[in-house]
C-alpha atoms as a PDB file:
ATOM      1  CA  MET A   1      -5.602  -7.922 -15.345  1.00  0.00           C
ATOM      2  CA  THR A   2      -4.271  -4.179 -16.336  1.00  0.00           C
ATOM      3  CA  GLN A   3      -2.320  -2.225 -14.066  1.00  0.00           C
ATOM      4  CA  ARG A   4      -5.263  -0.591 -12.687  1.00  0.00           C
ATOM      5  CA  ASP A   5      -5.881  -3.895 -11.809  1.00  0.00           C
ATOM      6  CA  LEU A   6      -3.889  -4.697  -9.446  1.00  0.00           C
ATOM      7  CA  VAL A   7      -3.060  -1.777  -8.027  1.00  0.00           C
ATOM      8  CA  ASP A   8      -7.273  -2.459  -7.137  1.00  0.00           C
ATOM      9  CA  GLU A   9      -6.092  -5.393  -6.409  1.00  0.00           C
ATOM     10  CA  TYR A  10      -3.567  -4.128  -4.014  1.00  0.00           C
ATOM     11  CA  PHE A  11      -6.055  -1.721  -1.997  1.00  0.00           C
ATOM     12  CA  ALA A  12      -8.994  -4.815  -1.548  1.00  0.00           C
ATOM     13  CA  GLY A  13      -6.296  -7.203   0.496  1.00  0.00           C
ATOM     14  CA  PHE A  14      -5.380  -4.476   1.915  1.00  0.00           C
ATOM     15  CA  ARG A  15      -9.181  -3.072   3.215  1.00  0.00           C
ATOM     16  CA  THR A  16      -9.293  -6.874   4.676  1.00  0.00           C
ATOM     17  CA  SER A  17      -5.800  -7.992   5.240  1.00  0.00           C
ATOM     18  CA  ASP A  18      -5.711 -10.363   3.057  1.00  0.00           C
ATOM     19  CA  HIS A  19      -2.140 -11.731   2.513  1.00  0.00           C
ATOM     20  CA  PRO A  20      -1.352 -13.732  -0.044  1.00  0.00           C
ATOM     21  CA  ARG A  21      -4.831 -11.182  -2.283  1.00  0.00           C
ATOM     22  CA  ILE A  22      -1.597  -8.673  -1.618  1.00  0.00           C
ATOM     23  CA  LEU A  23       0.954 -10.838  -2.952  1.00  0.00           C
ATOM     24  CA  ALA A  24      -0.079 -11.723  -5.602  1.00  0.00           C
ATOM     25  CA  THR A  25       0.628  -8.333  -7.551  1.00  0.00           C
ATOM     26  CA  LEU A  26       3.844  -8.481  -6.427  1.00  0.00           C
ATOM     27  CA  THR A  27       7.637  -9.066  -7.940  1.00  0.00           C
ATOM     28  CA  ASP A  28       9.324 -11.237  -5.364  1.00  0.00           C
ATOM     29  CA  ASP A  29      12.033  -7.745  -4.923  1.00  0.00           C
ATOM     30  CA  VAL A  30       9.544  -5.727  -4.612  1.00  0.00           C
ATOM     31  CA  GLU A  31      10.764  -3.136  -2.643  1.00  0.00           C
ATOM     32  CA  TRP A  32       8.561  -0.654  -0.948  1.00  0.00           C
ATOM     33  CA  VAL A  33       9.298   3.501   0.292  1.00  0.00           C
ATOM     34  CA  ILE A  34       7.615   4.425   2.671  1.00  0.00           C
ATOM     35  CA  HIS A  35       8.725   8.261   2.743  1.00  0.00           C
ATOM     36  CA  GLY A  36       9.840   8.860   6.183  1.00  0.00           C
ATOM     37  CA  HIS A  37       9.467   6.066   7.937  1.00  0.00           C
ATOM     38  CA  ARG A  38      11.103   2.873   6.482  1.00  0.00           C
ATOM     39  CA  THR A  39      12.182   0.570   3.063  1.00  0.00           C
ATOM     40  CA  THR A  40      11.141  -3.215   2.882  1.00  0.00           C
ATOM     41  CA  ARG A  41      12.511  -5.066   0.421  1.00  0.00           C
ATOM     42  CA  GLY A  42      10.818  -8.520  -1.113  1.00  0.00           C
ATOM     43  CA  ARG A  43       8.124  -9.699  -0.608  1.00  0.00           C
ATOM     44  CA  THR A  44       9.025 -11.541   2.848  1.00  0.00           C
ATOM     45  CA  GLU A  45       9.702  -7.855   4.652  1.00  0.00           C
ATOM     46  CA  PHE A  46       6.545  -7.147   2.729  1.00  0.00           C
ATOM     47  CA  ASP A  47       4.613  -9.367   4.412  1.00  0.00           C
ATOM     48  CA  GLY A  48       5.234  -8.360   7.843  1.00  0.00           C
ATOM     49  CA  GLU A  49       4.401  -5.597   6.955  1.00  0.00           C
ATOM     50  CA  ILE A  50       1.007  -6.212   5.736  1.00  0.00           C
ATOM     51  CA  GLU A  51      -0.179  -6.221   9.488  1.00  0.00           C
ATOM     52  CA  ASN A  52       1.850  -4.409  11.457  1.00  0.00           C
ATOM     53  CA  PRO A  53       2.070  -4.826  15.183  1.00  0.00           C
ATOM     54  CA  ALA A  54       2.013  -1.131  15.858  1.00  0.00           C
ATOM     55  CA  PHE A  55      -1.203  -0.964  14.510  1.00  0.00           C
ATOM     56  CA  THR A  56      -4.302  -3.337  15.063  1.00  0.00           C
ATOM     57  CA  GLY A  57      -7.103  -3.904  13.285  1.00  0.00           C
ATOM     58  CA  SER A  58      -7.474  -3.530   8.727  1.00  0.00           C
ATOM     59  CA  PRO A  59      -7.203   0.170   7.712  1.00  0.00           C
ATOM     60  CA  GLN A  60     -10.044   1.544   5.536  1.00  0.00           C
ATOM     61  CA  LEU A  61      -8.667   3.137   2.033  1.00  0.00           C
ATOM     62  CA  ASP A  62     -10.546   5.536   0.361  1.00  0.00           C
ATOM     63  CA  VAL A  63      -9.260   6.290  -2.924  1.00  0.00           C
ATOM     64  CA  GLU A  64      -9.865   9.914  -4.534  1.00  0.00           C
ATOM     65  CA  ARG A  65      -8.005   9.846  -7.403  1.00  0.00           C
ATOM     66  CA  VAL A  66      -5.605   7.245 -10.111  1.00  0.00           C
ATOM     67  CA  HIS A  67      -3.267   8.494 -13.167  1.00  0.00           C
ATOM     68  CA  GLU A  68      -1.175   6.440 -15.519  1.00  0.00           C
ATOM     69  CA  ASP A  69       1.931   6.925 -16.899  1.00  0.00           C
ATOM     70  CA  GLY A  70       3.107   4.314 -18.909  1.00  0.00           C
ATOM     71  CA  PRO A  71       4.770   1.528 -15.889  1.00  0.00           C
ATOM     72  CA  VAL A  72       3.599   3.243 -12.760  1.00  0.00           C
ATOM     73  CA  VAL A  73      -0.156   4.644 -11.535  1.00  0.00           C
ATOM     74  CA  VAL A  74      -0.471   7.269  -8.624  1.00  0.00           C
ATOM     75  CA  VAL A  75      -2.392   6.979  -6.378  1.00  0.00           C
ATOM     76  CA  THR A  76      -3.935   9.556  -4.188  1.00  0.00           C
ATOM     77  CA  GLY A  77      -6.824   9.157  -0.990  1.00  0.00           C
ATOM     78  CA  GLU A  78      -7.435   9.552   3.294  1.00  0.00           C
ATOM     79  CA  GLY A  79      -7.502   6.570   5.179  1.00  0.00           C
ATOM     80  CA  ARG A  80      -8.697   5.495   8.976  1.00  0.00           C
ATOM     81  CA  GLY A  81      -5.849   3.082  11.034  1.00  0.00           C
ATOM     82  CA  THR A  82      -6.486   2.405  14.973  1.00  0.00           C
ATOM     83  CA  SER A  83      -2.673   1.977  16.030  1.00  0.00           C
ATOM     84  CA  VAL A  84      -1.950   0.212  19.419  1.00  0.00           C
ATOM     85  CA  ALA A  85      -0.379   3.178  21.269  1.00  0.00           C
ATOM     86  CA  HIS A  86      -3.104   6.008  20.843  1.00  0.00           C
ATOM     87  CA  GLY A  87      -6.443   4.324  19.205  1.00  0.00           C
ATOM     88  CA  PRO A  88      -7.894   5.484  15.739  1.00  0.00           C
ATOM     89  CA  PHE A  89      -6.496   8.311  13.547  1.00  0.00           C
ATOM     90  CA  ARG A  90      -6.502   9.418   9.516  1.00  0.00           C
ATOM     91  CA  PHE A  91      -4.408  10.438   7.162  1.00  0.00           C
ATOM     92  CA  ALA A  92      -3.666  11.437   3.580  1.00  0.00           C
ATOM     93  CA  PHE A  93      -1.736   9.290   1.149  1.00  0.00           C
ATOM     94  CA  ASN A  94      -0.318   9.295  -2.521  1.00  0.00           C
ATOM     95  CA  ASP A  95       0.910   5.951  -3.076  1.00  0.00           C
ATOM     96  CA  LEU A  96       3.204   5.526  -6.626  1.00  0.00           C
ATOM     97  CA  PHE A  97       3.496   1.910  -7.901  1.00  0.00           C
ATOM     98  CA  THR A  98       6.078   1.189 -10.058  1.00  0.00           C
ATOM     99  CA  PHE A  99       5.454  -1.414 -12.272  1.00  0.00           C
ATOM    100  CA  ARG A 100       7.520  -4.617 -13.858  1.00  0.00           C
ATOM    101  CA  ASP A 101       6.509  -6.964 -16.226  1.00  0.00           C
ATOM    102  CA  GLY A 102       2.858  -7.029 -14.848  1.00  0.00           C
ATOM    103  CA  LEU A 103       3.397  -7.309 -11.433  1.00  0.00           C
ATOM    104  CA  ILE A 104       3.962  -3.801  -8.523  1.00  0.00           C
ATOM    105  CA  ALA A 105       8.287  -3.348  -8.523  1.00  0.00           C
ATOM    106  CA  ARG A 106       7.765  -0.972  -5.987  1.00  0.00           C
ATOM    107  CA  VAL A 107       6.160   1.224  -4.089  1.00  0.00           C
ATOM    108  CA  ASP A 108       6.387   4.832  -2.811  1.00  0.00           C
ATOM    109  CA  SER A 109       4.147   5.602  -0.381  1.00  0.00           C
ATOM    110  CA  TYR A 110       3.736   8.490   1.309  1.00  0.00           C
ATOM    111  CA  VAL A 111       1.007   9.252   4.229  1.00  0.00           C
ATOM    112  CA  VAL A 112       0.251  12.538   6.455  1.00  0.00           C
ATOM    113  CA  PRO A 113      -0.636  12.715   9.799  1.00  0.00           C
ATOM    114  CA  LEU A 114      -4.981  14.267   9.415  1.00  0.00           C
ATOM    115  CA  PRO A 115      -6.356  15.636  12.114  1.00  0.00           C
END
């Protein structure tokens, strides 16, 4: 499976809140940095963020661009979700995936709210 295929699996898992599918793409010591919000370390913390209690349902994620350079895959796109406190919302995202030994070792997420 290529790095791009693994990123596709990651997004497919998030679209259906499929924890095992997402976790299968990650190293045991994965770091997820959601810039400006929080950092999770390890699969257990990552798993807790897949279905964050501040949100309901699974997000809609539309990938627009994918760029790959060595052990890094960068994805841009737009999404929709539902916040428990504020209801439906739209956002733009940029995720930078860093690979090690064929799995995702780090995810840097930049999320911007859209009107």
